N, C-alpha and C. Protein backbone atom coordinates (compact mmCIF):
# COMPACT_ATOMS: atom_id res chain seq x y z
N UNK A 1 16.03 -22.44 -17.80
CA UNK A 1 17.21 -21.58 -17.84
C UNK A 1 16.88 -20.24 -17.17
N UNK A 2 17.82 -19.71 -16.49
CA UNK A 2 17.67 -18.44 -15.77
C UNK A 2 17.62 -17.28 -16.76
N UNK A 3 16.61 -16.41 -16.60
CA UNK A 3 16.48 -15.26 -17.49
C UNK A 3 16.84 -13.95 -16.80
N UNK A 4 16.52 -13.84 -15.51
CA UNK A 4 16.86 -12.65 -14.73
C UNK A 4 17.34 -13.07 -13.35
N UNK A 5 18.05 -12.17 -12.70
CA UNK A 5 18.55 -12.42 -11.35
C UNK A 5 18.35 -11.17 -10.51
N UNK A 6 17.88 -11.36 -9.30
CA UNK A 6 17.66 -10.25 -8.39
C UNK A 6 18.96 -9.97 -7.62
N UNK A 7 19.39 -8.71 -7.66
CA UNK A 7 20.59 -8.30 -6.94
C UNK A 7 20.19 -7.19 -5.98
N UNK A 8 20.26 -7.48 -4.68
CA UNK A 8 19.92 -6.48 -3.67
C UNK A 8 21.07 -5.49 -3.53
N UNK A 9 20.74 -4.20 -3.53
CA UNK A 9 21.76 -3.15 -3.44
C UNK A 9 21.50 -2.32 -2.20
N UNK A 10 22.50 -2.25 -1.33
CA UNK A 10 22.38 -1.50 -0.09
C UNK A 10 23.03 -0.13 -0.19
N UNK A 11 23.17 0.51 0.97
CA UNK A 11 23.71 1.86 1.03
C UNK A 11 25.23 1.91 1.13
N UNK A 12 25.87 0.84 1.55
CA UNK A 12 27.31 0.83 1.79
C UNK A 12 28.03 0.27 0.57
N UNK A 13 28.46 1.17 -0.33
CA UNK A 13 29.10 0.72 -1.57
C UNK A 13 30.37 -0.06 -1.30
N UNK A 14 31.08 0.27 -0.23
CA UNK A 14 32.28 -0.48 0.11
C UNK A 14 31.99 -1.96 0.29
N UNK A 15 30.86 -2.28 0.87
CA UNK A 15 30.45 -3.68 1.04
C UNK A 15 29.80 -4.22 -0.22
N UNK A 16 29.12 -3.38 -0.96
CA UNK A 16 28.37 -3.83 -2.13
C UNK A 16 29.25 -4.06 -3.35
N UNK A 17 30.37 -3.38 -3.42
CA UNK A 17 31.18 -3.45 -4.64
C UNK A 17 31.59 -4.88 -4.99
N UNK A 18 32.05 -5.65 -4.03
CA UNK A 18 32.46 -7.03 -4.30
C UNK A 18 31.27 -7.88 -4.74
N UNK A 19 30.11 -7.67 -4.11
CA UNK A 19 28.90 -8.41 -4.49
C UNK A 19 28.54 -8.11 -5.94
N UNK A 20 28.54 -6.82 -6.29
CA UNK A 20 28.18 -6.41 -7.65
C UNK A 20 29.20 -6.92 -8.66
N UNK A 21 30.49 -6.81 -8.34
CA UNK A 21 31.52 -7.31 -9.26
C UNK A 21 31.36 -8.80 -9.51
N UNK A 22 31.15 -9.56 -8.44
CA UNK A 22 30.97 -11.01 -8.57
C UNK A 22 29.72 -11.35 -9.36
N UNK A 23 28.62 -10.66 -9.04
CA UNK A 23 27.37 -10.91 -9.76
C UNK A 23 27.52 -10.56 -11.23
N UNK A 24 28.21 -9.48 -11.54
CA UNK A 24 28.40 -9.09 -12.94
C UNK A 24 29.15 -10.16 -13.71
N UNK A 25 30.19 -10.71 -13.11
CA UNK A 25 30.97 -11.76 -13.78
C UNK A 25 30.10 -13.00 -14.05
N UNK A 26 29.35 -13.41 -13.03
CA UNK A 26 28.53 -14.61 -13.17
C UNK A 26 27.40 -14.39 -14.18
N UNK A 27 26.71 -13.26 -14.04
CA UNK A 27 25.57 -13.00 -14.92
C UNK A 27 26.01 -12.75 -16.36
N UNK A 28 27.17 -12.13 -16.54
CA UNK A 28 27.69 -11.93 -17.90
C UNK A 28 27.96 -13.29 -18.55
N UNK A 29 28.58 -14.20 -17.81
CA UNK A 29 28.88 -15.53 -18.34
C UNK A 29 27.62 -16.30 -18.69
N UNK A 30 26.54 -16.05 -17.93
CA UNK A 30 25.28 -16.75 -18.16
C UNK A 30 24.35 -15.98 -19.09
N UNK A 31 24.74 -14.76 -19.49
CA UNK A 31 23.91 -13.88 -20.30
C UNK A 31 22.54 -13.66 -19.65
N UNK A 32 22.58 -13.28 -18.38
CA UNK A 32 21.37 -13.05 -17.58
C UNK A 32 21.37 -11.59 -17.12
N UNK A 33 20.26 -10.90 -17.36
CA UNK A 33 20.15 -9.51 -16.95
C UNK A 33 19.71 -9.40 -15.49
N UNK A 34 20.31 -8.46 -14.75
CA UNK A 34 19.96 -8.30 -13.34
C UNK A 34 18.78 -7.35 -13.14
N UNK A 35 18.06 -7.60 -12.06
CA UNK A 35 17.08 -6.66 -11.53
C UNK A 35 17.69 -6.13 -10.24
N UNK A 36 17.96 -4.84 -10.20
CA UNK A 36 18.59 -4.23 -9.02
C UNK A 36 17.50 -3.78 -8.06
N UNK A 37 17.59 -4.22 -6.81
CA UNK A 37 16.56 -3.94 -5.82
C UNK A 37 17.16 -3.16 -4.65
N UNK A 38 16.50 -2.08 -4.28
CA UNK A 38 16.85 -1.37 -3.06
C UNK A 38 15.59 -1.26 -2.21
N UNK A 39 15.71 -1.60 -0.93
CA UNK A 39 14.59 -1.49 0.00
C UNK A 39 14.75 -0.20 0.78
N UNK A 40 13.78 0.70 0.61
CA UNK A 40 13.76 1.96 1.35
C UNK A 40 12.93 1.80 2.61
N UNK A 41 13.43 2.28 3.74
CA UNK A 41 12.56 2.44 4.90
C UNK A 41 11.66 3.64 4.60
N UNK A 42 10.56 3.76 5.32
CA UNK A 42 9.68 4.92 5.11
C UNK A 42 10.44 6.22 5.31
N UNK A 43 11.26 6.29 6.37
CA UNK A 43 12.00 7.53 6.65
C UNK A 43 13.06 7.81 5.60
N UNK A 44 13.72 6.77 5.09
CA UNK A 44 14.72 6.96 4.05
C UNK A 44 14.07 7.48 2.76
N UNK A 45 12.91 6.92 2.42
CA UNK A 45 12.23 7.36 1.21
C UNK A 45 11.82 8.83 1.33
N UNK A 46 11.29 9.21 2.49
CA UNK A 46 10.91 10.61 2.71
C UNK A 46 12.12 11.53 2.63
N UNK A 47 13.26 11.07 3.16
CA UNK A 47 14.50 11.86 3.08
C UNK A 47 14.91 12.09 1.63
N UNK A 48 14.83 11.04 0.82
CA UNK A 48 15.17 11.19 -0.60
C UNK A 48 14.23 12.18 -1.29
N UNK A 49 12.95 12.12 -0.97
CA UNK A 49 12.01 13.06 -1.56
C UNK A 49 12.39 14.49 -1.18
N UNK A 50 12.75 14.72 0.07
CA UNK A 50 13.15 16.06 0.52
C UNK A 50 14.42 16.50 -0.18
N UNK A 51 15.38 15.59 -0.30
CA UNK A 51 16.65 15.91 -0.97
C UNK A 51 16.41 16.28 -2.43
N UNK A 52 15.50 15.57 -3.08
CA UNK A 52 15.19 15.84 -4.49
C UNK A 52 14.21 17.00 -4.64
N UNK A 53 13.73 17.51 -3.49
CA UNK A 53 12.76 18.60 -3.45
C UNK A 53 11.47 18.23 -4.16
N UNK A 54 11.04 16.98 -3.95
CA UNK A 54 9.78 16.49 -4.49
C UNK A 54 8.79 16.34 -3.33
N UNK A 55 7.54 16.59 -3.59
CA UNK A 55 6.51 16.28 -2.59
C UNK A 55 6.14 14.81 -2.68
N UNK A 56 6.14 14.31 -3.89
CA UNK A 56 5.92 12.89 -4.11
C UNK A 56 6.62 12.51 -5.40
N UNK A 57 6.88 11.23 -5.55
CA UNK A 57 7.56 10.76 -6.76
C UNK A 57 7.33 9.27 -6.89
N UNK A 58 7.50 8.79 -8.09
CA UNK A 58 7.44 7.36 -8.33
C UNK A 58 8.62 6.70 -7.62
N UNK A 59 8.36 5.73 -6.75
CA UNK A 59 9.45 5.09 -6.02
C UNK A 59 10.51 4.47 -6.93
N UNK A 60 10.13 3.96 -8.10
CA UNK A 60 11.12 3.41 -9.02
C UNK A 60 12.07 4.50 -9.52
N UNK A 61 11.53 5.71 -9.75
CA UNK A 61 12.36 6.83 -10.18
C UNK A 61 13.34 7.22 -9.07
N UNK A 62 12.85 7.25 -7.84
CA UNK A 62 13.72 7.58 -6.70
C UNK A 62 14.79 6.51 -6.56
N UNK A 63 14.43 5.25 -6.69
CA UNK A 63 15.41 4.17 -6.58
C UNK A 63 16.48 4.29 -7.66
N UNK A 64 16.09 4.68 -8.86
CA UNK A 64 17.07 4.79 -9.95
C UNK A 64 18.08 5.91 -9.70
N UNK A 65 17.75 6.86 -8.81
CA UNK A 65 18.68 7.94 -8.46
C UNK A 65 19.59 7.59 -7.29
N UNK A 66 19.32 6.45 -6.65
CA UNK A 66 20.12 6.01 -5.50
C UNK A 66 21.55 5.74 -5.97
N UNK A 67 22.54 6.26 -5.23
CA UNK A 67 23.93 6.14 -5.65
C UNK A 67 24.37 4.68 -5.85
N UNK A 68 24.00 3.81 -4.92
CA UNK A 68 24.38 2.40 -5.05
C UNK A 68 23.77 1.76 -6.28
N UNK A 69 22.52 2.08 -6.56
CA UNK A 69 21.85 1.56 -7.75
C UNK A 69 22.56 2.07 -9.00
N UNK A 70 22.89 3.35 -9.03
CA UNK A 70 23.58 3.92 -10.20
C UNK A 70 24.93 3.25 -10.42
N UNK A 71 25.70 3.07 -9.35
CA UNK A 71 27.01 2.42 -9.48
C UNK A 71 26.87 0.98 -9.96
N UNK A 72 25.91 0.26 -9.37
CA UNK A 72 25.70 -1.13 -9.78
C UNK A 72 25.26 -1.19 -11.24
N UNK A 73 24.33 -0.32 -11.62
CA UNK A 73 23.86 -0.31 -13.01
C UNK A 73 25.01 -0.03 -13.97
N UNK A 74 25.88 0.91 -13.62
CA UNK A 74 27.04 1.21 -14.47
C UNK A 74 27.92 -0.03 -14.64
N UNK A 75 28.16 -0.76 -13.55
CA UNK A 75 29.01 -1.95 -13.63
C UNK A 75 28.36 -3.02 -14.51
N UNK A 76 27.05 -3.21 -14.36
CA UNK A 76 26.38 -4.21 -15.18
C UNK A 76 26.34 -3.78 -16.65
N UNK A 77 26.16 -2.48 -16.91
CA UNK A 77 26.21 -1.99 -18.29
C UNK A 77 27.59 -2.25 -18.89
N UNK A 78 28.64 -2.01 -18.10
CA UNK A 78 30.01 -2.27 -18.57
C UNK A 78 30.20 -3.73 -18.96
N UNK A 79 29.46 -4.63 -18.31
CA UNK A 79 29.55 -6.06 -18.62
C UNK A 79 28.63 -6.44 -19.78
N UNK A 80 27.96 -5.44 -20.37
CA UNK A 80 27.09 -5.72 -21.51
C UNK A 80 25.70 -6.22 -21.11
N UNK A 81 25.33 -6.02 -19.86
CA UNK A 81 24.03 -6.47 -19.37
C UNK A 81 23.07 -5.29 -19.29
N UNK A 82 21.79 -5.60 -19.22
CA UNK A 82 20.76 -4.56 -19.20
C UNK A 82 19.98 -4.62 -17.89
N UNK A 83 20.48 -3.94 -16.86
CA UNK A 83 19.80 -4.00 -15.56
C UNK A 83 18.52 -3.19 -15.55
N UNK A 84 17.56 -3.65 -14.76
CA UNK A 84 16.37 -2.87 -14.48
C UNK A 84 16.36 -2.59 -12.98
N UNK A 85 15.55 -1.63 -12.57
CA UNK A 85 15.53 -1.21 -11.16
C UNK A 85 14.16 -1.51 -10.56
N UNK A 86 14.20 -2.06 -9.37
CA UNK A 86 12.98 -2.30 -8.59
C UNK A 86 13.20 -1.72 -7.21
N UNK A 87 12.12 -1.53 -6.49
CA UNK A 87 12.25 -0.98 -5.15
C UNK A 87 11.12 -1.53 -4.28
N UNK A 88 11.37 -1.47 -3.00
CA UNK A 88 10.36 -1.80 -2.01
C UNK A 88 10.45 -0.74 -0.93
N UNK A 89 9.31 -0.30 -0.45
CA UNK A 89 9.30 0.60 0.69
C UNK A 89 8.75 -0.19 1.87
N UNK A 90 9.56 -0.30 2.91
CA UNK A 90 9.16 -1.08 4.08
C UNK A 90 10.36 -1.30 4.97
N UNK A 91 10.33 -2.33 5.75
CA UNK A 91 11.43 -2.62 6.67
C UNK A 91 12.56 -3.32 5.90
N UNK A 92 13.73 -2.69 5.84
CA UNK A 92 14.86 -3.31 5.14
C UNK A 92 15.36 -4.57 5.84
């Protein structure tokens, strides 16, 4: 039985919203918690650090501040699910 599901979250919420809504419905019905993943390019990650005025930071913390991740997490919480956040730094 499926225990978790990986949901990739990009930068374009207009495109991501339908994916997240559909995933929330399916995962809620299956009682499966999502793992939200955002892939940062090296330059994007550095930009986030500058925006947050950090010299360095835990990439998972930076990912949790990503707007798309926050919106997706809110939607999954509304469905009664407990999302976690993961990240990768590399080529998206």
